Amino acid sequence: MLIPRIASFYQRYPGIEIRFQPLADLAQLRSEHVDVLILSHSARPESDIDAMLISEDEIGPLCAPQFARQLQSGNDLRALPLLHADTRLHAWSEWAEKAGISGNFSGGQHFDSLTLGIQAARSGLGVLMAPHLLVRQELEDGTLIAPLGFVRVERATWMLTRQSRSPEPEISLFRDWLREAAQP
């Protein structure tokens, strides 16, 4: 969601530098190594953290258009190659429980990140479980489809910063931009 839209932030605020780090956590946020953390989390973070809700998380199986005819119901997943993002190891079982689908969804190829998994799904390597928020552009341009739709899960995506740093001008500008960019 963020990377395809970040150019508009740079155009609006060319003097603000953004560095992306994979797998930052709350400890890094508290130690000042990270200014802002965007995180999918099951509960609102502690009171020393300023948290802005970006989106309630909805996840669903995604694939390239060539799989559309083969994926009409959850049972069809048994015959298709599954893709997994190691940053969301339980996404398939979480979706299956919420969607009321039984089966073993542990097999298939693994990727270090959702970004790589999304690229693999777009390339036709299989079916990936991913959040709707992160694939809106791919769904709009037709490079990915969600033939079974999405289900809401017990997580949300948050923008987090330390409470003491929340009023800083750069963080406030980024928060306002992110709120706008996250709108459907």
Protein backbone atom coordinates (compact mmCIF):
# COMPACT_ATOMS: atom_id res chain seq x y z
CA MET A 1 0.00 0.00 0.00
CA LEU A 2 2.68 2.48 0.96
CA ILE A 3 5.40 1.95 -1.64
CA PRO A 4 3.23 2.52 -4.75
CA ARG A 5 1.92 5.77 -3.25
CA ILE A 6 5.06 7.16 -1.59
CA ALA A 7 5.97 9.25 -4.65
CA SER A 8 3.07 11.57 -3.84
CA PHE A 9 4.53 12.13 -0.34
CA TYR A 10 7.96 12.98 -1.82
CA GLN A 11 6.35 15.39 -4.29
CA ARG A 12 4.42 17.12 -1.53
CA TYR A 13 7.29 17.15 1.02
CA PRO A 14 10.62 16.89 -0.82
CA GLY A 15 12.60 17.93 2.27
CA ILE A 16 11.48 14.97 4.39
CA GLU A 17 13.60 11.84 4.08
CA ILE A 18 12.05 8.41 4.51
CA ARG A 19 14.02 5.22 5.05
CA PHE A 20 12.29 1.87 4.96
CA GLN A 21 13.39 -0.92 7.28
CA PRO A 22 12.05 -4.43 7.10
CA LEU A 23 10.69 -5.98 10.27
CA ALA A 24 11.00 -3.07 12.70
CA ASP A 25 9.32 -3.63 16.06
CA LEU A 26 8.06 -1.68 19.06
CA ALA A 27 11.42 -2.00 20.85
CA GLN A 28 13.10 -0.12 17.99
CA LEU A 29 10.37 2.52 18.07
CA ARG A 30 10.94 3.05 21.78
CA SER A 31 14.73 3.25 21.36
CA GLU A 32 14.52 6.04 18.75
CA HIS A 33 15.94 3.92 15.92
CA VAL A 34 12.56 4.19 14.19
CA ASP A 35 10.41 7.34 13.95
CA VAL A 36 7.23 5.72 12.64
CA LEU A 37 6.20 2.08 12.55
CA ILE A 38 3.39 0.71 10.40
CA LEU A 39 2.28 -2.55 11.90
CA SER A 40 -0.53 -5.07 11.65
CA HIS A 41 -1.36 -5.90 15.23
CA SER A 42 -4.18 -7.64 17.10
CA ALA A 43 -4.51 -5.04 19.87
CA ARG A 44 -4.02 -1.32 20.27
CA PRO A 45 -0.45 -0.75 21.50
CA GLU A 46 0.44 0.49 24.99
CA SER A 47 -0.24 4.01 26.24
CA ASP A 48 3.32 5.30 25.61
CA ILE A 49 2.68 4.78 21.88
CA ASP A 50 0.56 7.11 19.74
CA ALA A 51 -1.48 4.84 17.48
CA MET A 52 -3.50 5.89 14.44
CA LEU A 53 -5.77 3.23 12.99
CA ILE A 54 -5.12 2.92 9.26
CA SER A 55 -7.44 0.02 8.50
CA GLU A 56 -9.20 -2.98 9.97
CA ASP A 57 -7.46 -5.96 8.36
CA GLU A 58 -9.24 -8.06 5.76
CA ILE A 59 -7.39 -10.93 4.13
CA GLY A 60 -8.15 -13.19 1.19
CA PRO A 61 -6.58 -15.53 -1.34
CA LEU A 62 -5.10 -13.70 -4.31
CA CYS A 63 -3.92 -14.98 -7.64
CA ALA A 64 -3.09 -13.99 -11.18
CA PRO A 65 -6.09 -13.89 -13.53
CA GLN A 66 -5.10 -17.20 -15.17
CA PHE A 67 -6.17 -19.04 -11.98
CA ALA A 68 -9.66 -17.52 -11.94
CA ARG A 69 -11.45 -20.48 -13.50
CA GLN A 70 -9.65 -22.92 -11.20
CA LEU A 71 -10.55 -21.06 -8.01
CA GLN A 72 -14.32 -20.99 -7.53
CA SER A 73 -14.51 -22.18 -3.89
CA GLY A 74 -12.24 -22.78 -0.92
CA ASN A 75 -12.09 -26.48 -1.78
CA ASP A 76 -10.35 -25.63 -5.08
CA LEU A 77 -7.31 -24.43 -3.13
CA ARG A 78 -6.28 -28.05 -2.52
CA ALA A 79 -5.32 -28.40 -6.19
CA LEU A 80 -3.50 -25.07 -6.54
CA PRO A 81 0.04 -24.07 -5.51
CA LEU A 82 -0.05 -22.03 -2.32
CA LEU A 83 2.29 -19.16 -1.55
CA HIS A 84 3.24 -18.00 1.96
CA ALA A 85 4.82 -14.82 3.31
CA ASP A 86 7.04 -15.69 6.26
CA THR A 87 6.03 -12.41 7.90
CA ARG A 88 2.45 -13.75 8.07
CA LEU A 89 2.94 -17.47 8.72
CA HIS A 90 -0.56 -18.04 10.13
CA ALA A 91 -2.48 -16.08 7.51
CA TRP A 92 -3.83 -19.15 5.69
CA SER A 93 -5.11 -20.84 8.86
CA GLU A 94 -6.52 -17.53 10.11
CA TRP A 95 -8.41 -17.04 6.85
CA ALA A 96 -9.63 -20.66 6.77
CA GLU A 97 -11.06 -20.36 10.27
CA LYS A 98 -12.86 -17.07 9.50
CA ALA A 99 -14.07 -18.30 6.08
CA GLY A 100 -15.25 -21.66 7.44
CA ILE A 101 -12.96 -23.65 5.13
CA SER A 102 -11.25 -26.81 6.33
CA GLY A 103 -8.01 -28.21 5.00
CA ASN A 104 -4.28 -28.19 5.30
CA PHE A 105 -2.89 -24.92 3.97
CA SER A 106 0.70 -25.31 5.15
CA GLY A 107 2.36 -26.57 1.96
CA GLY A 108 3.76 -24.45 -0.83
CA GLN A 109 6.47 -21.93 -1.51
CA HIS A 110 7.63 -19.45 1.13
CA PHE A 111 8.80 -15.88 0.63
CA ASP A 112 10.58 -13.60 3.11
CA SER A 113 8.02 -10.82 2.78
CA LEU A 114 4.54 -10.03 1.54
CA THR A 115 6.07 -7.87 -1.18
CA LEU A 116 7.89 -10.89 -2.65
CA GLY A 117 4.80 -13.06 -2.21
CA ILE A 118 2.66 -10.51 -4.04
CA GLN A 119 5.18 -10.42 -6.90
CA ALA A 120 5.12 -14.23 -7.06
CA ALA A 121 1.31 -14.31 -7.16
CA ARG A 122 1.26 -11.63 -9.88
CA SER A 123 3.71 -13.75 -11.86
CA GLY A 124 1.37 -16.74 -11.73
CA LEU A 125 3.33 -18.90 -9.27
CA GLY A 126 0.30 -19.63 -7.11
CA VAL A 127 -2.25 -18.29 -4.63
CA LEU A 128 -1.18 -15.97 -1.82
CA MET A 129 -3.03 -14.95 1.32
CA ALA A 130 -2.65 -11.19 1.76
CA PRO A 131 -4.40 -8.15 3.25
CA HIS A 132 -6.75 -6.20 1.00
CA LEU A 133 -5.06 -2.94 2.03
CA LEU A 134 -1.75 -4.02 0.49
CA VAL A 135 -3.11 -5.16 -2.89
CA ARG A 136 -5.67 -2.51 -3.77
CA GLN A 137 -3.61 -1.28 -6.73
CA GLU A 138 -3.06 -4.80 -8.11
CA LEU A 139 -6.80 -5.50 -7.83
CA GLU A 140 -7.62 -2.23 -9.58
CA ASP A 141 -5.21 -2.84 -12.45
CA GLY A 142 -6.23 -6.51 -12.79
CA THR A 143 -2.81 -8.07 -12.17
CA LEU A 144 -4.29 -9.87 -9.15
CA ILE A 145 -7.80 -11.09 -8.47
CA ALA A 146 -9.52 -12.14 -5.26
CA PRO A 147 -12.04 -14.73 -6.51
CA LEU A 148 -13.11 -15.73 -2.98
CA GLY A 149 -13.18 -12.20 -1.59
CA PHE A 150 -11.85 -11.08 1.78
CA VAL A 151 -12.73 -11.77 5.41
CA ARG A 152 -12.15 -9.49 8.38
CA VAL A 153 -9.63 -10.80 10.89
CA GLU A 154 -8.81 -9.87 14.47
CA ARG A 155 -6.04 -7.45 13.52
CA ALA A 156 -5.73 -3.90 12.32
CA THR A 157 -3.00 -1.89 10.62
CA TRP A 158 -1.69 0.98 12.72
CA MET A 159 0.72 3.87 12.32
CA LEU A 160 2.70 4.02 15.54
CA THR A 161 5.09 6.56 17.00
CA ARG A 162 6.24 7.32 20.50
CA GLN A 163 3.73 9.55 22.30
CA SER A 164 6.46 12.12 23.03
CA ARG A 165 7.32 12.43 19.30
CA SER A 166 3.80 12.51 17.93
CA PRO A 167 3.60 16.32 17.61
CA GLU A 168 6.87 16.61 15.63
CA PRO A 169 6.15 18.39 12.32
CA GLU A 170 7.55 15.66 10.02
CA ILE A 171 5.63 12.94 11.84
CA SER A 172 2.43 15.00 11.76
CA LEU A 173 2.80 15.61 8.03
CA PHE A 174 3.42 11.92 7.39
CA ARG A 175 0.42 10.95 9.54
CA ASP A 176 -1.86 13.33 7.62
CA TRP A 177 -0.54 12.07 4.28
CA LEU A 178 -0.92 8.41 5.33
CA ARG A 179 -4.52 9.00 6.48
CA GLU A 180 -5.29 10.43 3.04
CA ALA A 181 -3.36 7.70 1.13
CA ALA A 182 -5.10 4.90 3.02
CA GLN A 183 -8.57 6.00 1.90
CA PRO A 184 -10.18 3.60 -0.58
